[in-house]
Amino acid sequence: MQRTLIIIGIVILLAGLLWPWLIKLPIGKLPGDIIIDKPNFKLYIPITTMVIISLLLTLIFWLFKK
């Protein structure tokens, strides 16, 4: 449990330090993300973004498990 908390803390720290560069990535604006923008209504469903993040997290957890 301690190791997991330390790794999570390091990831959060790195994300905070790299935030100026991470915000410039096109995550959330990929082809396949659904955006419906009408007056008084906005719907955003990031399907492609969710799939990519899921694959990356699966790979990371798989590597740490070994």
N, C-alpha and C. Protein backbone atom coordinates (compact mmCIF):
# COMPACT_ATOMS: atom_id res chain seq x y z
N MET A 1 0.82 -1.19 0.00
CA MET A 1 0.00 0.00 0.00
C MET A 1 0.87 1.26 0.00
N GLN A 2 1.96 1.23 0.75
CA GLN A 2 2.84 2.39 0.81
C GLN A 2 3.45 2.68 -0.56
N ARG A 3 3.86 1.63 -1.24
CA ARG A 3 4.47 1.79 -2.56
C ARG A 3 3.47 2.42 -3.54
N THR A 4 2.24 1.96 -3.48
CA THR A 4 1.20 2.49 -4.36
C THR A 4 0.96 3.97 -4.10
N LEU A 5 0.87 4.36 -2.84
CA LEU A 5 0.66 5.76 -2.49
C LEU A 5 1.83 6.63 -2.93
N ILE A 6 3.03 6.13 -2.80
CA ILE A 6 4.21 6.88 -3.24
C ILE A 6 4.19 7.07 -4.75
N ILE A 7 3.84 6.02 -5.49
CA ILE A 7 3.78 6.11 -6.95
C ILE A 7 2.70 7.09 -7.38
N ILE A 8 1.53 7.03 -6.74
CA ILE A 8 0.45 7.96 -7.06
C ILE A 8 0.89 9.40 -6.78
N GLY A 9 1.58 9.61 -5.67
CA GLY A 9 2.08 10.94 -5.34
C GLY A 9 3.08 11.45 -6.36
N ILE A 10 3.96 10.58 -6.82
CA ILE A 10 4.95 10.97 -7.83
C ILE A 10 4.26 11.32 -9.15
N VAL A 11 3.26 10.54 -9.53
CA VAL A 11 2.53 10.81 -10.77
C VAL A 11 1.82 12.15 -10.68
N ILE A 12 1.19 12.43 -9.55
CA ILE A 12 0.50 13.72 -9.38
C ILE A 12 1.51 14.87 -9.41
N LEU A 13 2.65 14.69 -8.77
CA LEU A 13 3.70 15.71 -8.78
C LEU A 13 4.20 15.97 -10.20
N LEU A 14 4.46 14.91 -10.95
CA LEU A 14 4.91 15.07 -12.33
C LEU A 14 3.85 15.74 -13.21
N ALA A 15 2.60 15.37 -13.00
CA ALA A 15 1.53 16.00 -13.77
C ALA A 15 1.46 17.49 -13.46
N GLY A 16 1.64 17.85 -12.20
CA GLY A 16 1.63 19.26 -11.82
C GLY A 16 2.80 20.03 -12.42
N LEU A 17 3.96 19.42 -12.43
CA LEU A 17 5.14 20.09 -12.99
C LEU A 17 5.07 20.21 -14.51
N LEU A 18 4.49 19.22 -15.15
CA LEU A 18 4.42 19.20 -16.61
C LEU A 18 3.13 19.80 -17.16
N TRP A 19 2.30 20.37 -16.29
CA TRP A 19 0.98 20.87 -16.70
C TRP A 19 1.04 21.87 -17.87
N PRO A 20 1.99 22.82 -17.89
CA PRO A 20 2.01 23.76 -19.03
C PRO A 20 2.16 23.06 -20.39
N TRP A 21 2.84 21.95 -20.43
CA TRP A 21 3.01 21.20 -21.68
C TRP A 21 1.87 20.21 -21.90
N LEU A 22 1.35 19.63 -20.83
CA LEU A 22 0.26 18.66 -20.97
C LEU A 22 -1.02 19.29 -21.49
N ILE A 23 -1.27 20.54 -21.11
CA ILE A 23 -2.51 21.20 -21.53
C ILE A 23 -2.51 21.48 -23.04
N LYS A 24 -1.35 21.50 -23.67
CA LYS A 24 -1.25 21.76 -25.11
C LYS A 24 -1.51 20.50 -25.94
N LEU A 25 -1.54 19.32 -25.30
CA LEU A 25 -1.81 18.08 -26.03
C LEU A 25 -3.27 18.07 -26.49
N PRO A 26 -3.55 17.42 -27.61
CA PRO A 26 -4.92 17.43 -28.13
C PRO A 26 -5.85 16.44 -27.44
N ILE A 27 -5.53 16.05 -26.21
CA ILE A 27 -6.41 15.12 -25.49
C ILE A 27 -7.75 15.81 -25.25
N GLY A 28 -8.83 15.15 -25.59
CA GLY A 28 -10.15 15.73 -25.46
C GLY A 28 -10.65 16.36 -26.74
N LYS A 29 -9.82 16.44 -27.74
CA LYS A 29 -10.21 17.02 -29.03
C LYS A 29 -9.88 16.05 -30.16
N LEU A 30 -9.95 14.78 -29.88
CA LEU A 30 -9.58 13.76 -30.86
C LEU A 30 -10.76 13.41 -31.75
N PRO A 31 -10.48 12.88 -32.94
CA PRO A 31 -11.58 12.37 -33.77
C PRO A 31 -12.27 11.23 -33.03
N GLY A 32 -13.55 11.24 -33.01
CA GLY A 32 -14.30 10.22 -32.28
C GLY A 32 -14.89 10.75 -31.00
N ASP A 33 -14.41 11.89 -30.52
CA ASP A 33 -15.01 12.54 -29.36
C ASP A 33 -16.26 13.27 -29.84
N ILE A 34 -17.36 13.06 -29.15
CA ILE A 34 -18.65 13.62 -29.57
C ILE A 34 -18.89 14.93 -28.84
N ILE A 35 -19.14 16.00 -29.60
CA ILE A 35 -19.45 17.30 -29.02
C ILE A 35 -20.73 17.80 -29.68
N ILE A 36 -21.76 18.02 -28.88
CA ILE A 36 -23.01 18.60 -29.35
C ILE A 36 -23.16 19.94 -28.65
N ASP A 37 -23.13 21.02 -29.43
CA ASP A 37 -23.18 22.36 -28.87
C ASP A 37 -24.40 23.09 -29.44
N LYS A 38 -25.40 23.28 -28.61
CA LYS A 38 -26.62 23.99 -29.00
C LYS A 38 -26.85 25.12 -27.99
N PRO A 39 -27.71 26.04 -28.31
CA PRO A 39 -28.00 27.10 -27.34
C PRO A 39 -28.53 26.51 -26.03
N ASN A 40 -27.97 26.92 -24.93
CA ASN A 40 -28.35 26.48 -23.58
C ASN A 40 -28.10 24.99 -23.34
N PHE A 41 -27.29 24.35 -24.17
CA PHE A 41 -27.03 22.92 -24.00
C PHE A 41 -25.70 22.56 -24.63
N LYS A 42 -24.88 21.88 -23.86
CA LYS A 42 -23.61 21.39 -24.41
C LYS A 42 -23.38 19.99 -23.88
N LEU A 43 -23.13 19.06 -24.78
CA LEU A 43 -22.88 17.67 -24.43
C LEU A 43 -21.52 17.27 -25.00
N TYR A 44 -20.68 16.73 -24.13
CA TYR A 44 -19.34 16.32 -24.53
C TYR A 44 -19.12 14.89 -24.07
N ILE A 45 -18.87 13.98 -25.01
CA ILE A 45 -18.61 12.57 -24.70
C ILE A 45 -17.27 12.19 -25.33
N PRO A 46 -16.21 12.13 -24.52
CA PRO A 46 -14.86 11.87 -25.05
C PRO A 46 -14.58 10.37 -25.23
N ILE A 47 -15.22 9.74 -26.18
CA ILE A 47 -15.09 8.29 -26.37
C ILE A 47 -13.65 7.90 -26.71
N THR A 48 -13.06 8.51 -27.73
CA THR A 48 -11.71 8.16 -28.14
C THR A 48 -10.70 8.47 -27.04
N THR A 49 -10.86 9.59 -26.39
CA THR A 49 -9.96 9.96 -25.30
C THR A 49 -10.03 8.94 -24.17
N MET A 50 -11.24 8.50 -23.82
CA MET A 50 -11.39 7.51 -22.75
C MET A 50 -10.73 6.18 -23.12
N VAL A 51 -10.85 5.77 -24.37
CA VAL A 51 -10.24 4.51 -24.81
C VAL A 51 -8.72 4.60 -24.74
N ILE A 52 -8.15 5.70 -25.20
CA ILE A 52 -6.69 5.86 -25.17
C ILE A 52 -6.17 5.91 -23.74
N ILE A 53 -6.84 6.65 -22.87
CA ILE A 53 -6.41 6.72 -21.46
C ILE A 53 -6.53 5.35 -20.81
N SER A 54 -7.59 4.62 -21.12
CA SER A 54 -7.76 3.27 -20.57
C SER A 54 -6.65 2.34 -21.01
N LEU A 55 -6.28 2.40 -22.29
CA LEU A 55 -5.19 1.56 -22.79
C LEU A 55 -3.86 1.91 -22.13
N LEU A 56 -3.59 3.20 -21.97
CA LEU A 56 -2.34 3.63 -21.32
C LEU A 56 -2.29 3.18 -19.87
N LEU A 57 -3.39 3.35 -19.14
CA LEU A 57 -3.42 2.91 -17.74
C LEU A 57 -3.29 1.40 -17.62
N THR A 58 -3.92 0.66 -18.52
CA THR A 58 -3.79 -0.79 -18.51
C THR A 58 -2.34 -1.21 -18.74
N LEU A 59 -1.68 -0.57 -19.68
CA LEU A 59 -0.27 -0.86 -19.95
C LEU A 59 0.61 -0.53 -18.75
N ILE A 60 0.38 0.62 -18.13
CA ILE A 60 1.17 1.02 -16.97
C ILE A 60 0.98 0.04 -15.82
N PHE A 61 -0.27 -0.31 -15.52
CA PHE A 61 -0.53 -1.24 -14.43
C PHE A 61 0.04 -2.62 -14.73
N TRP A 62 -0.01 -3.03 -16.00
CA TRP A 62 0.53 -4.32 -16.39
C TRP A 62 2.04 -4.33 -16.18
N LEU A 63 2.71 -3.24 -16.54
CA LEU A 63 4.16 -3.15 -16.37
C LEU A 63 4.55 -3.15 -14.88
N PHE A 64 3.79 -2.47 -14.05
CA PHE A 64 4.09 -2.44 -12.62
C PHE A 64 3.80 -3.77 -11.94
N LYS A 65 2.86 -4.53 -12.51
CA LYS A 65 2.52 -5.83 -11.92
C LYS A 65 3.65 -6.83 -12.10
N LYS A 66 4.40 -6.71 -13.18
CA LYS A 66 5.50 -7.63 -13.46
C LYS A 66 6.65 -7.38 -12.60
